[in-house]
Amino acid sequence: MSVARVSTYLMFEGRAAEALALYGEVFPESDSCLRDGPVYMAEWRLAGHEILLVDSPARHDFTFTPSTSLFIEFSDADAQRAAYDALSEGGQVMMPLDDYGFSQRFGWVADRFGVSWQLNLV
């Protein structure tokens, strides 16, 4: 068997376009495109990693969980702070930006859509 592609898949209920707009603002170096089909889907690339955002036409009894998150490494503290501030607005801070021993500056947030982000300074 040969794997052709692996992507992170984020399923929303009617807010995928709003999430994509936020992520494009937070990470202006990212790239996105919409794919046509019966279900709204967008492909978003950040640092070579592909993330698919889709709006589910069906309601579901689950949402995102922090046990699965996007781990982003920053080389610039100001960029990390800006991302932290934007992603945590209207969301939840699980670990504020701080020195936790394993990292001199790390933060963990869930954005207003429930997507979990671990933000590490390298």
PDB file of N, CA and C in Angstrom:
ATOM      1  N   MET A   1       0.842  -1.165   0.000  1.00  0.00           N
ATOM      2  CA  MET A   1       0.000   0.000   0.000  1.00  0.00           C
ATOM      3  C   MET A   1       0.894   1.239   0.000  1.00  0.00           C
ATOM      4  N   SER A   2       0.494   2.235  -0.753  1.00  0.00           N
ATOM      5  CA  SER A   2       1.244   3.476  -0.832  1.00  0.00           C
ATOM      6  C   SER A   2       0.354   4.645  -0.421  1.00  0.00           C
ATOM      7  N   VAL A   3       0.775   5.386   0.569  1.00  0.00           N
ATOM      8  CA  VAL A   3       0.014   6.534   1.035  1.00  0.00           C
ATOM      9  C   VAL A   3       0.295   7.709   0.117  1.00  0.00           C
ATOM     10  N   ALA A   4      -0.744   8.314  -0.408  1.00  0.00           N
ATOM     11  CA  ALA A   4      -0.597   9.440  -1.326  1.00  0.00           C
ATOM     12  C   ALA A   4      -0.550  10.776  -0.595  1.00  0.00           C
ATOM     13  N   ARG A   5      -1.246  10.876   0.537  1.00  0.00           N
ATOM     14  CA  ARG A   5      -1.342  12.168   1.208  1.00  0.00           C
ATOM     15  C   ARG A   5      -1.881  11.973   2.625  1.00  0.00           C
ATOM     16  N   VAL A   6      -1.422  12.793   3.546  1.00  0.00           N
ATOM     17  CA  VAL A   6      -1.955  12.820   4.904  1.00  0.00           C
ATOM     18  C   VAL A   6      -2.260  14.278   5.244  1.00  0.00           C
ATOM     19  N   SER A   7      -3.456  14.541   5.736  1.00  0.00           N
ATOM     20  CA  SER A   7      -3.880  15.896   6.081  1.00  0.00           C
ATOM     21  C   SER A   7      -4.579  15.885   7.428  1.00  0.00           C
ATOM     22  N   THR A   8      -4.497  16.994   8.127  1.00  0.00           N
ATOM     23  CA  THR A   8      -5.313  17.187   9.318  1.00  0.00           C
ATOM     24  C   THR A   8      -6.688  17.638   8.839  1.00  0.00           C
ATOM     25  N   TYR A   9      -7.740  17.065   9.405  1.00  0.00           N
ATOM     26  CA  TYR A   9      -9.110  17.314   8.978  1.00  0.00           C
ATOM     27  C   TYR A   9      -9.869  17.956  10.123  1.00  0.00           C
ATOM     28  N   LEU A  10     -10.358  19.172   9.906  1.00  0.00           N
ATOM     29  CA  LEU A  10     -11.129  19.883  10.917  1.00  0.00           C
ATOM     30  C   LEU A  10     -12.569  20.047  10.437  1.00  0.00           C
ATOM     31  N   MET A  11     -13.520  19.494  11.170  1.00  0.00           N
ATOM     32  CA  MET A  11     -14.922  19.546  10.768  1.00  0.00           C
ATOM     33  C   MET A  11     -15.690  20.534  11.651  1.00  0.00           C
ATOM     34  N   PHE A  12     -16.315  21.485  10.996  1.00  0.00           N
ATOM     35  CA  PHE A  12     -17.092  22.527  11.657  1.00  0.00           C
ATOM     36  C   PHE A  12     -18.567  22.336  11.322  1.00  0.00           C
ATOM     37  N   GLU A  13     -19.400  23.073  12.020  1.00  0.00           N
ATOM     38  CA  GLU A  13     -20.828  23.115  11.713  1.00  0.00           C
ATOM     39  C   GLU A  13     -21.179  24.540  11.286  1.00  0.00           C
ATOM     40  N   GLY A  14     -20.860  24.890  10.060  1.00  0.00           N
ATOM     41  CA  GLY A  14     -21.226  26.181   9.515  1.00  0.00           C
ATOM     42  C   GLY A  14     -20.254  27.319   9.780  1.00  0.00           C
ATOM     43  N   ARG A  15     -19.070  27.037  10.348  1.00  0.00           N
ATOM     44  CA  ARG A  15     -18.138  28.114  10.675  1.00  0.00           C
ATOM     45  C   ARG A  15     -16.764  27.922  10.053  1.00  0.00           C
ATOM     46  N   ALA A  16     -16.641  27.049   9.071  1.00  0.00           N
ATOM     47  CA  ALA A  16     -15.333  26.793   8.460  1.00  0.00           C
ATOM     48  C   ALA A  16     -14.772  28.037   7.783  1.00  0.00           C
ATOM     49  N   ALA A  17     -15.593  28.791   7.076  1.00  0.00           N
ATOM     50  CA  ALA A  17     -15.111  29.992   6.387  1.00  0.00           C
ATOM     51  C   ALA A  17     -14.632  31.029   7.404  1.00  0.00           C
ATOM     52  N   GLU A  18     -15.345  31.165   8.505  1.00  0.00           N
ATOM     53  CA  GLU A  18     -14.948  32.099   9.561  1.00  0.00           C
ATOM     54  C   GLU A  18     -13.621  31.673  10.185  1.00  0.00           C
ATOM     55  N   ALA A  19     -13.469  30.378  10.423  1.00  0.00           N
ATOM     56  CA  ALA A  19     -12.214  29.862  10.975  1.00  0.00           C
ATOM     57  C   ALA A  19     -11.063  30.084   9.994  1.00  0.00           C
ATOM     58  N   LEU A  20     -11.299  29.803   8.734  1.00  0.00           N
ATOM     59  CA  LEU A  20     -10.265  29.987   7.715  1.00  0.00           C
ATOM     60  C   LEU A  20      -9.833  31.447   7.636  1.00  0.00           C
ATOM     61  N   ALA A  21     -10.777  32.373   7.757  1.00  0.00           N
ATOM     62  CA  ALA A  21     -10.440  33.800   7.734  1.00  0.00           C
ATOM     63  C   ALA A  21      -9.548  34.159   8.928  1.00  0.00           C
ATOM     64  N   LEU A  22      -9.880  33.657  10.119  1.00  0.00           N
ATOM     65  CA  LEU A  22      -9.060  33.922  11.294  1.00  0.00           C
ATOM     66  C   LEU A  22      -7.659  33.352  11.111  1.00  0.00           C
ATOM     67  N   TYR A  23      -7.567  32.106  10.681  1.00  0.00           N
ATOM     68  CA  TYR A  23      -6.266  31.464  10.545  1.00  0.00           C
ATOM     69  C   TYR A  23      -5.406  32.160   9.491  1.00  0.00           C
ATOM     70  N   GLY A  24      -6.024  32.662   8.427  1.00  0.00           N
ATOM     71  CA  GLY A  24      -5.294  33.416   7.415  1.00  0.00           C
ATOM     72  C   GLY A  24      -4.767  34.737   7.953  1.00  0.00           C
ATOM     73  N   GLU A  25      -5.517  35.361   8.871  1.00  0.00           N
ATOM     74  CA  GLU A  25      -5.060  36.600   9.512  1.00  0.00           C
ATOM     75  C   GLU A  25      -3.923  36.331  10.488  1.00  0.00           C
ATOM     76  N   VAL A  26      -4.051  35.274  11.277  1.00  0.00           N
ATOM     77  CA  VAL A  26      -3.043  34.947  12.283  1.00  0.00           C
ATOM     78  C   VAL A  26      -1.738  34.507  11.622  1.00  0.00           C
ATOM     79  N   PHE A  27      -1.857  33.753  10.543  1.00  0.00           N
ATOM     80  CA  PHE A  27      -0.691  33.231   9.835  1.00  0.00           C
ATOM     81  C   PHE A  27      -0.725  33.716   8.381  1.00  0.00           C
ATOM     82  N   PRO A  28      -0.338  34.978   8.132  1.00  0.00           N
ATOM     83  CA  PRO A  28      -0.438  35.534   6.774  1.00  0.00           C
ATOM     84  C   PRO A  28       0.433  34.818   5.746  1.00  0.00           C
ATOM     85  N   GLU A  29       1.426  34.063   6.201  1.00  0.00           N
ATOM     86  CA  GLU A  29       2.275  33.324   5.263  1.00  0.00           C
ATOM     87  C   GLU A  29       1.633  32.024   4.784  1.00  0.00           C
ATOM     88  N   SER A  30       0.457  31.710   5.319  1.00  0.00           N
ATOM     89  CA  SER A  30      -0.240  30.483   4.927  1.00  0.00           C
ATOM     90  C   SER A  30      -0.933  30.686   3.587  1.00  0.00           C
ATOM     91  N   ASP A  31      -1.426  29.589   3.042  1.00  0.00           N
ATOM     92  CA  ASP A  31      -2.076  29.611   1.735  1.00  0.00           C
ATOM     93  C   ASP A  31      -3.346  28.771   1.815  1.00  0.00           C
ATOM     94  N   SER A  32      -4.409  29.235   1.166  1.00  0.00           N
ATOM     95  CA  SER A  32      -5.659  28.478   1.192  1.00  0.00           C
ATOM     96  C   SER A  32      -6.346  28.532  -0.161  1.00  0.00           C
ATOM     97  N   CYS A  33      -7.199  27.553  -0.386  1.00  0.00           N
ATOM     98  CA  CYS A  33      -8.051  27.556  -1.570  1.00  0.00           C
ATOM     99  C   CYS A  33      -9.321  26.782  -1.253  1.00  0.00           C
ATOM    100  N   LEU A  34     -10.383  27.143  -1.916  1.00  0.00           N
ATOM    101  CA  LEU A  34     -11.659  26.467  -1.726  1.00  0.00           C
ATOM    102  C   LEU A  34     -11.816  25.390  -2.770  1.00  0.00           C
ATOM    103  N   ARG A  35     -12.411  24.285  -2.370  1.00  0.00           N
ATOM    104  CA  ARG A  35     -12.740  23.225  -3.322  1.00  0.00           C
ATOM    105  C   ARG A  35     -14.247  23.137  -3.407  1.00  0.00           C
ATOM    106  N   ASP A  36     -14.744  23.014  -4.630  1.00  0.00           N
ATOM    107  CA  ASP A  36     -16.190  22.900  -4.818  1.00  0.00           C
ATOM    108  C   ASP A  36     -16.651  21.484  -4.523  1.00  0.00           C
ATOM    109  N   GLY A  37     -17.895  21.356  -4.175  1.00  0.00           N
ATOM    110  CA  GLY A  37     -18.472  20.048  -3.901  1.00  0.00           C
ATOM    111  C   GLY A  37     -19.748  20.223  -3.110  1.00  0.00           C
ATOM    112  N   PRO A  38     -20.403  19.121  -2.770  1.00  0.00           N
ATOM    113  CA  PRO A  38     -21.654  19.213  -2.025  1.00  0.00           C
ATOM    114  C   PRO A  38     -21.446  19.741  -0.609  1.00  0.00           C
ATOM    115  N   VAL A  39     -20.241  19.619  -0.091  1.00  0.00           N
ATOM    116  CA  VAL A  39     -19.918  20.101   1.244  1.00  0.00           C
ATOM    117  C   VAL A  39     -18.801  21.119   1.094  1.00  0.00           C
ATOM    118  N   TYR A  40     -18.948  22.281   1.716  1.00  0.00           N
ATOM    119  CA  TYR A  40     -17.907  23.292   1.666  1.00  0.00           C
ATOM    120  C   TYR A  40     -16.615  22.711   2.233  1.00  0.00           C
ATOM    121  N   MET A  41     -15.534  22.830   1.479  1.00  0.00           N
ATOM    122  CA  MET A  41     -14.241  22.364   1.954  1.00  0.00           C
ATOM    123  C   MET A  41     -13.170  23.351   1.518  1.00  0.00           C
ATOM    124  N   ALA A  42     -12.223  23.592   2.398  1.00  0.00           N
ATOM    125  CA  ALA A  42     -11.082  24.442   2.071  1.00  0.00           C
ATOM    126  C   ALA A  42      -9.806  23.690   2.401  1.00  0.00           C
ATOM    127  N   GLU A  43      -8.802  23.899   1.587  1.00  0.00           N
ATOM    128  CA  GLU A  43      -7.467  23.386   1.870  1.00  0.00           C
ATOM    129  C   GLU A  43      -6.647  24.567   2.366  1.00  0.00           C
ATOM    130  N   TRP A  44      -5.978  24.372   3.487  1.00  0.00           N
ATOM    131  CA  TRP A  44      -5.158  25.430   4.059  1.00  0.00           C
ATOM    132  C   TRP A  44      -3.790  24.858   4.360  1.00  0.00           C
ATOM    133  N   ARG A  45      -2.748  25.547   3.935  1.00  0.00           N
ATOM    134  CA  ARG A  45      -1.383  25.096   4.159  1.00  0.00           C
ATOM    135  C   ARG A  45      -0.643  26.078   5.039  1.00  0.00           C
ATOM    136  N   LEU A  46       0.014  25.531   6.054  1.00  0.00           N
ATOM    137  CA  LEU A  46       0.836  26.328   6.947  1.00  0.00           C
ATOM    138  C   LEU A  46       2.165  25.610   7.117  1.00  0.00           C
ATOM    139  N   ALA A  47       3.229  26.258   6.696  1.00  0.00           N
ATOM    140  CA  ALA A  47       4.579  25.690   6.803  1.00  0.00           C
ATOM    141  C   ALA A  47       4.649  24.295   6.186  1.00  0.00           C
ATOM    142  N   GLY A  48       3.974  24.113   5.063  1.00  0.00           N
ATOM    143  CA  GLY A  48       3.992  22.830   4.356  1.00  0.00           C
ATOM    144  C   GLY A  48       3.007  21.798   4.869  1.00  0.00           C
ATOM    145  N   HIS A  49       2.312  22.079   5.951  1.00  0.00           N
ATOM    146  CA  HIS A  49       1.337  21.135   6.516  1.00  0.00           C
ATOM    147  C   HIS A  49      -0.050  21.450   5.975  1.00  0.00           C
ATOM    148  N   GLU A  50      -0.702  20.434   5.435  1.00  0.00           N
ATOM    149  CA  GLU A  50      -2.036  20.632   4.869  1.00  0.00           C
ATOM    150  C   GLU A  50      -3.110  20.357   5.915  1.00  0.00           C
ATOM    151  N   ILE A  51      -4.052  21.291   5.993  1.00  0.00           N
ATOM    152  CA  ILE A  51      -5.191  21.165   6.887  1.00  0.00           C
ATOM    153  C   ILE A  51      -6.448  21.352   6.046  1.00  0.00           C
ATOM    154  N   LEU A  52      -7.380  20.440   6.164  1.00  0.00           N
ATOM    155  CA  LEU A  52      -8.659  20.530   5.460  1.00  0.00           C
ATOM    156  C   LEU A  52      -9.704  21.038   6.442  1.00  0.00           C
ATOM    157  N   LEU A  53     -10.433  22.066   6.035  1.00  0.00           N
ATOM    158  CA  LEU A  53     -11.537  22.597   6.837  1.00  0.00           C
ATOM    159  C   LEU A  53     -12.819  22.310   6.085  1.00  0.00           C
ATOM    160  N   VAL A  54     -13.782  21.718   6.753  1.00  0.00           N
ATOM    161  CA  VAL A  54     -15.033  21.356   6.101  1.00  0.00           C
ATOM    162  C   VAL A  54     -16.200  21.749   6.988  1.00  0.00           C
ATOM    163  N   ASP A  55     -17.287  22.153   6.352  1.00  0.00           N
ATOM    164  CA  ASP A  55     -18.538  22.395   7.068  1.00  0.00           C
ATOM    165  C   ASP A  55     -19.425  21.177   6.884  1.00  0.00           C
ATOM    166  N   SER A  56     -19.720  20.517   7.973  1.00  0.00           N
ATOM    167  CA  SER A  56     -20.564  19.333   7.929  1.00  0.00           C
ATOM    168  C   SER A  56     -22.020  19.752   7.742  1.00  0.00           C
ATOM    169  N   PRO A  57     -22.711  19.160   6.793  1.00  0.00           N
ATOM    170  CA  PRO A  57     -24.130  19.473   6.648  1.00  0.00           C
ATOM    171  C   PRO A  57     -24.974  18.824   7.742  1.00  0.00           C
ATOM    172  N   ALA A  58     -24.415  17.844   8.405  1.00  0.00           N
ATOM    173  CA  ALA A  58     -25.150  17.142   9.466  1.00  0.00           C
ATOM    174  C   ALA A  58     -24.684  17.630  10.834  1.00  0.00           C
ATOM    175  N   ARG A  59     -25.610  17.757  11.744  1.00  0.00           N
ATOM    176  CA  ARG A  59     -25.280  18.078  13.132  1.00  0.00           C
ATOM    177  C   ARG A  59     -24.635  16.850  13.757  1.00  0.00           C
ATOM    178  N   HIS A  60     -23.698  17.080  14.669  1.00  0.00           N
ATOM    179  CA  HIS A  60     -23.087  15.951  15.357  1.00  0.00           C
ATOM    180  C   HIS A  60     -22.925  16.276  16.836  1.00  0.00           C
ATOM    181  N   ASP A  61     -22.849  15.245  17.642  1.00  0.00           N
ATOM    182  CA  ASP A  61     -22.808  15.398  19.098  1.00  0.00           C
ATOM    183  C   ASP A  61     -21.380  15.453  19.633  1.00  0.00           C
ATOM    184  N   PHE A  62     -20.444  15.897  18.826  1.00  0.00           N
ATOM    185  CA  PHE A  62     -19.058  15.997  19.263  1.00  0.00           C
ATOM    186  C   PHE A  62     -18.449  17.258  18.683  1.00  0.00           C
ATOM    187  N   THR A  63     -17.338  17.629  19.242  1.00  0.00           N
ATOM    188  CA  THR A  63     -16.605  18.794  18.772  1.00  0.00           C
ATOM    189  C   THR A  63     -15.116  18.497  18.897  1.00  0.00           C
ATOM    190  N   PHE A  64     -14.311  19.517  18.834  1.00  0.00           N
ATOM    191  CA  PHE A  64     -12.876  19.328  18.947  1.00  0.00           C
ATOM    192  C   PHE A  64     -12.495  19.035  20.392  1.00  0.00           C
ATOM    193  N   THR A  65     -11.362  18.383  20.569  1.00  0.00           N
ATOM    194  CA  THR A  65     -10.849  18.078  21.897  1.00  0.00           C
ATOM    195  C   THR A  65      -9.395  18.543  21.982  1.00  0.00           C
ATOM    196  N   PRO A  66      -8.958  19.051  23.130  1.00  0.00           N
ATOM    197  CA  PRO A  66      -7.579  19.497  23.248  1.00  0.00           C
ATOM    198  C   PRO A  66      -6.555  18.379  23.128  1.00  0.00           C
ATOM    199  N   SER A  67      -6.995  17.127  23.253  1.00  0.00           N
ATOM    200  CA  SER A  67      -6.028  16.032  23.137  1.00  0.00           C
ATOM    201  C   SER A  67      -5.451  15.926  21.728  1.00  0.00           C
ATOM    202  N   THR A  68      -6.095  16.552  20.766  1.00  0.00           N
ATOM    203  CA  THR A  68      -5.554  16.679  19.415  1.00  0.00           C
ATOM    204  C   THR A  68      -5.430  18.168  19.144  1.00  0.00           C
ATOM    205  N   SER A  69      -4.216  18.597  18.834  1.00  0.00           N
ATOM    206  CA  SER A  69      -4.004  20.026  18.637  1.00  0.00           C
ATOM    207  C   SER A  69      -2.975  20.259  17.540  1.00  0.00           C
ATOM    208  N   LEU A  70      -2.935  21.497  17.080  1.00  0.00           N
ATOM    209  CA  LEU A  70      -1.916  21.909  16.125  1.00  0.00           C
ATOM    210  C   LEU A  70      -0.760  22.477  16.927  1.00  0.00           C
ATOM    211  N   PHE A  71       0.420  21.906  16.751  1.00  0.00           N
ATOM    212  CA  PHE A  71       1.616  22.327  17.476  1.00  0.00           C
ATOM    213  C   PHE A  71       2.416  23.212  16.538  1.00  0.00           C
ATOM    214  N   ILE A  72       2.525  24.493  16.885  1.00  0.00           N
ATOM    215  CA  ILE A  72       3.186  25.465  16.024  1.00  0.00           C
ATOM    216  C   ILE A  72       4.455  25.943  16.717  1.00  0.00           C
ATOM    217  N   GLU A  73       5.577  25.874  16.001  1.00  0.00           N
ATOM    218  CA  GLU A  73       6.844  26.365  16.530  1.00  0.00           C
ATOM    219  C   GLU A  73       7.176  27.706  15.884  1.00  0.00           C
ATOM    220  N   PHE A  74       7.473  28.670  16.722  1.00  0.00           N
ATOM    221  CA  PHE A  74       7.804  30.032  16.284  1.00  0.00           C
ATOM    222  C   PHE A  74       9.280  30.300  16.532  1.00  0.00           C
ATOM    223  N   SER A  75       9.873  31.088  15.654  1.00  0.00           N
ATOM    224  CA  SER A  75      11.241  31.551  15.872  1.00  0.00           C
ATOM    225  C   SER A  75      11.247  33.006  16.329  1.00  0.00           C
ATOM    226  N   ASP A  76      10.073  33.630  16.387  1.00  0.00           N
ATOM    227  CA  ASP A  76       9.945  35.039  16.749  1.00  0.00           C
ATOM    228  C   ASP A  76       8.916  35.184  17.876  1.00  0.00           C
ATOM    229  N   ALA A  77       9.347  35.760  19.013  1.00  0.00           N
ATOM    230  CA  ALA A  77       8.470  35.890  20.184  1.00  0.00           C
ATOM    231  C   ALA A  77       7.286  36.809  19.919  1.00  0.00           C
ATOM    232  N   ASP A  78       7.486  37.866  19.128  1.00  0.00           N
ATOM    233  CA  ASP A  78       6.377  38.774  18.833  1.00  0.00           C
ATOM    234  C   ASP A  78       5.308  38.086  17.994  1.00  0.00           C
ATOM    235  N   ALA A  79       5.730  37.275  17.034  1.00  0.00           N
ATOM    236  CA  ALA A  79       4.775  36.526  16.206  1.00  0.00           C
ATOM    237  C   ALA A  79       4.025  35.505  17.054  1.00  0.00           C
ATOM    238  N   GLN A  80       4.728  34.864  17.980  1.00  0.00           N
ATOM    239  CA  GLN A  80       4.076  33.905  18.869  1.00  0.00           C
ATOM    240  C   GLN A  80       3.022  34.616  19.729  1.00  0.00           C
ATOM    241  N   ARG A  81       3.375  35.767  20.297  1.00  0.00           N
ATOM    242  CA  ARG A  81       2.446  36.527  21.139  1.00  0.00           C
ATOM    243  C   ARG A  81       1.216  36.955  20.343  1.00  0.00           C
ATOM    244  N   ALA A  82       1.433  37.436  19.108  1.00  0.00           N
ATOM    245  CA  ALA A  82       0.318  37.878  18.271  1.00  0.00           C
ATOM    246  C   ALA A  82      -0.625  36.709  17.972  1.00  0.00           C
ATOM    247  N   ALA A  83      -0.068  35.550  17.645  1.00  0.00           N
ATOM    248  CA  ALA A  83      -0.888  34.362  17.380  1.00  0.00           C
ATOM    249  C   ALA A  83      -1.632  33.939  18.638  1.00  0.00           C
ATOM    250  N   TYR A  84      -0.944  33.923  19.762  1.00  0.00           N
ATOM    251  CA  TYR A  84      -1.554  33.563  21.042  1.00  0.00           C
ATOM    252  C   TYR A  84      -2.745  34.477  21.354  1.00  0.00           C
ATOM    253  N   ASP A  85      -2.529  35.782  21.214  1.00  0.00           N
ATOM    254  CA  ASP A  85      -3.594  36.744  21.512  1.00  0.00           C
ATOM    255  C   ASP A  85      -4.792  36.561  20.583  1.00  0.00           C
ATOM    256  N   ALA A  86      -4.531  36.417  19.286  1.00  0.00           N
ATOM    257  CA  ALA A  86      -5.628  36.292  18.314  1.00  0.00           C
ATOM    258  C   ALA A  86      -6.378  34.981  18.472  1.00  0.00           C
ATOM    259  N   LEU A  87      -5.656  33.888  18.685  1.00  0.00           N
ATOM    260  CA  LEU A  87      -6.310  32.582  18.785  1.00  0.00           C
ATOM    261  C   LEU A  87      -7.055  32.406  20.109  1.00  0.00           C
ATOM    262  N   SER A  88      -6.575  33.036  21.170  1.00  0.00           N
ATOM    263  CA  SER A  88      -7.249  32.879  22.458  1.00  0.00           C
ATOM    264  C   SER A  88      -8.445  33.813  22.616  1.00  0.00           C
ATOM    265  N   GLU A  89      -8.558  34.831  21.763  1.00  0.00           N
ATOM    266  CA  GLU A  89      -9.684  35.767  21.864  1.00  0.00           C
ATOM    267  C   GLU A  89     -11.008  35.036  21.626  1.00  0.00           C
ATOM    268  N   GLY A  90     -11.857  35.045  22.612  1.00  0.00           N
ATOM    269  CA  GLY A  90     -13.144  34.359  22.526  1.00  0.00           C
ATOM    270  C   GLY A  90     -13.028  32.859  22.737  1.00  0.00           C
ATOM    271  N   GLY A  91     -11.825  32.386  23.009  1.00  0.00           N
ATOM    272  CA  GLY A  91     -11.591  30.958  23.228  1.00  0.00           C
ATOM    273  C   GLY A  91     -11.243  30.676  24.679  1.00  0.00           C
ATOM    274  N   GLN A  92     -10.332  29.734  24.876  1.00  0.00           N
ATOM    275  CA  GLN A  92      -9.964  29.312  26.222  1.00  0.00           C
ATOM    276  C   GLN A  92      -8.448  29.169  26.319  1.00  0.00           C
ATOM    277  N   VAL A  93      -7.879  29.749  27.349  1.00  0.00           N
ATOM    278  CA  VAL A  93      -6.448  29.589  27.622  1.00  0.00           C
ATOM    279  C   VAL A  93      -6.286  28.378  28.523  1.00  0.00           C
ATOM    280  N   MET A  94      -5.535  27.403  28.060  1.00  0.00           N
ATOM    281  CA  MET A  94      -5.264  26.209  28.867  1.00  0.00           C
ATOM    282  C   MET A  94      -3.927  26.326  29.587  1.00  0.00           C
ATOM    283  N   MET A  95      -2.951  26.963  28.917  1.00  0.00           N
ATOM    284  CA  MET A  95      -1.656  27.244  29.524  1.00  0.00           C
ATOM    285  C   MET A  95      -1.199  28.599  28.987  1.00  0.00           C
ATOM    286  N   PRO A  96      -1.122  29.613  29.847  1.00  0.00           N
ATOM    287  CA  PRO A  96      -0.673  30.923  29.374  1.00  0.00           C
ATOM    288  C   PRO A  96       0.788  30.866  28.923  1.00  0.00           C
ATOM    289  N   LEU A  97       1.191  31.818  28.101  1.00  0.00           N
ATOM    290  CA  LEU A  97       2.584  31.883  27.666  1.00  0.00           C
ATOM    291  C   LEU A  97       3.479  31.986  28.894  1.00  0.00           C
ATOM    292  N   ASP A  98       4.400  31.030  29.007  1.00  0.00           N
ATOM    293  CA  ASP A  98       5.269  31.004  30.187  1.00  0.00           C
ATOM    294  C   ASP A  98       6.402  30.006  29.957  1.00  0.00           C
ATOM    295  N   ASP A  99       7.316  29.949  30.905  1.00  0.00           N
ATOM    296  CA  ASP A  99       8.402  28.971  30.926  1.00  0.00           C
ATOM    297  C   ASP A  99       7.913  27.766  31.728  1.00  0.00           C
ATOM    298  N   TYR A 100       7.803  26.620  31.074  1.00  0.00           N
ATOM    299  CA  TYR A 100       7.319  25.412  31.737  1.00  0.00           C
ATOM    300  C   TYR A 100       8.398  24.361  31.917  1.00  0.00           C
ATOM    301  N   GLY A 101       9.647  24.743  31.731  1.00  0.00           N
ATOM    302  CA  GLY A 101      10.739  23.782  31.874  1.00  0.00           C
ATOM    303  C   GLY A 101      11.057  23.072  30.576  1.00  0.00           C
ATOM    304  N   PHE A 102      10.058  22.497  29.950  1.00  0.00           N
ATOM    305  CA  PHE A 102      10.278  21.827  28.658  1.00  0.00           C
ATOM    306  C   PHE A 102      10.403  22.837  27.526  1.00  0.00           C
ATOM    307  N   SER A 103       9.983  24.072  27.798  1.00  0.00           N
ATOM    308  CA  SER A 103      10.070  25.162  26.823  1.00  0.00           C
ATOM    309  C   SER A 103      10.194  26.465  27.594  1.00  0.00           C
ATOM    310  N   GLN A 104      11.037  27.358  27.116  1.00  0.00           N
ATOM    311  CA  GLN A 104      11.184  28.643  27.790  1.00  0.00           C
ATOM    312  C   GLN A 104       9.977  29.547  27.567  1.00  0.00           C
ATOM    313  N   ARG A 105       9.238  29.295  26.478  1.00  0.00           N
ATOM    314  CA  ARG A 105       8.030  30.103  26.217  1.00  0.00           C
ATOM    315  C   ARG A 105       7.052  29.250  25.418  1.00  0.00           C
ATOM    316  N   PHE A 106       5.994  28.859  26.085  1.00  0.00           N
ATOM    317  CA  PHE A 106       4.998  27.954  25.523  1.00  0.00           C
ATOM    318  C   PHE A 106       3.618  28.412  25.970  1.00  0.00           C
ATOM    319  N   GLY A 107       2.637  28.271  25.104  1.00  0.00           N
ATOM    320  CA  GLY A 107       1.253  28.543  25.455  1.00  0.00           C
ATOM    321  C   GLY A 107       0.335  27.576  24.743  1.00  0.00           C
ATOM    322  N   TRP A 108      -0.812  27.296  25.357  1.00  0.00           N
ATOM    323  CA  TRP A 108      -1.776  26.350  24.787  1.00  0.00           C
ATOM    324  C   TRP A 108      -3.150  26.979  24.905  1.00  0.00           C
ATOM    325  N   VAL A 109      -3.835  27.110  23.778  1.00  0.00           N
ATOM    326  CA  VAL A 109      -5.155  27.730  23.757  1.00  0.00           C
ATOM    327  C   VAL A 109      -6.099  26.917  22.876  1.00  0.00           C
ATOM    328  N   ALA A 110      -7.374  27.093  23.115  1.00  0.00           N
ATOM    329  CA  ALA A 110      -8.409  26.622  22.195  1.00  0.00           C
ATOM    330  C   ALA A 110      -9.044  27.880  21.627  1.00  0.00           C
ATOM    331  N   ASP A 111      -9.143  27.975  20.312  1.00  0.00           N
ATOM    332  CA  ASP A 111      -9.730  29.174  19.714  1.00  0.00           C
ATOM    333  C   ASP A 111     -11.246  29.168  19.880  1.00  0.00           C
ATOM    334  N   ARG A 112     -11.906  30.198  19.396  1.00  0.00           N
ATOM    335  CA  ARG A 112     -13.356  30.331  19.594  1.00  0.00           C
ATOM    336  C   ARG A 112     -14.163  29.262  18.875  1.00  0.00           C
ATOM    337  N   PHE A 113     -13.500  28.478  18.024  1.00  0.00           N
ATOM    338  CA  PHE A 113     -14.171  27.366  17.339  1.00  0.00           C
ATOM    339  C   PHE A 113     -13.931  26.046  18.063  1.00  0.00           C
ATOM    340  N   GLY A 114     -13.048  26.060  19.061  1.00  0.00           N
ATOM    341  CA  GLY A 114     -12.730  24.853  19.812  1.00  0.00           C
ATOM    342  C   GLY A 114     -11.476  24.143  19.337  1.00  0.00           C
ATOM    343  N   VAL A 115     -10.814  24.658  18.302  1.00  0.00           N
ATOM    344  CA  VAL A 115      -9.584  24.041  17.802  1.00  0.00           C
ATOM    345  C   VAL A 115      -8.449  24.381  18.757  1.00  0.00           C
ATOM    346  N   SER A 116      -7.666  23.376  19.131  1.00  0.00           N
ATOM    347  CA  SER A 116      -6.602  23.507  20.099  1.00  0.00           C
ATOM    348  C   SER A 116      -5.267  23.812  19.417  1.00  0.00           C
ATOM    349  N   TRP A 117      -4.524  24.768  19.982  1.00  0.00           N
ATOM    350  CA  TRP A 117      -3.244  25.220  19.431  1.00  0.00           C
ATOM    351  C   TRP A 117      -2.196  25.223  20.530  1.00  0.00           C
ATOM    352  N   GLN A 118      -1.085  24.536  20.308  1.00  0.00           N
ATOM    353  CA  GLN A 118       0.075  24.618  21.184  1.00  0.00           C
ATOM    354  C   GLN A 118       1.103  25.488  20.476  1.00  0.00           C
ATOM    355  N   LEU A 119       1.503  26.565  21.130  1.00  0.00           N
ATOM    356  CA  LEU A 119       2.362  27.579  20.520  1.00  0.00           C
ATOM    357  C   LEU A 119       3.691  27.611  21.255  1.00  0.00           C
ATOM    358  N   ASN A 120       4.755  27.175  20.598  1.00  0.00           N
ATOM    359  CA  ASN A 120       6.057  27.017  21.220  1.00  0.00           C
ATOM    360  C   ASN A 120       7.077  27.936  20.558  1.00  0.00           C
ATOM    361  N   LEU A 121       7.921  28.567  21.377  1.00  0.00           N
ATOM    362  CA  LEU A 121       9.010  29.395  20.865  1.00  0.00           C
ATOM    363  C   LEU A 121      10.277  28.541  20.852  1.00  0.00           C
ATOM    364  N   VAL A 122      10.933  28.487  19.707  1.00  0.00           N
ATOM    365  CA  VAL A 122      12.178  27.703  19.586  1.00  0.00           C
ATOM    366  C   VAL A 122      13.380  28.613  19.495  1.00  0.00           C
TER     367      VAL A 122
END
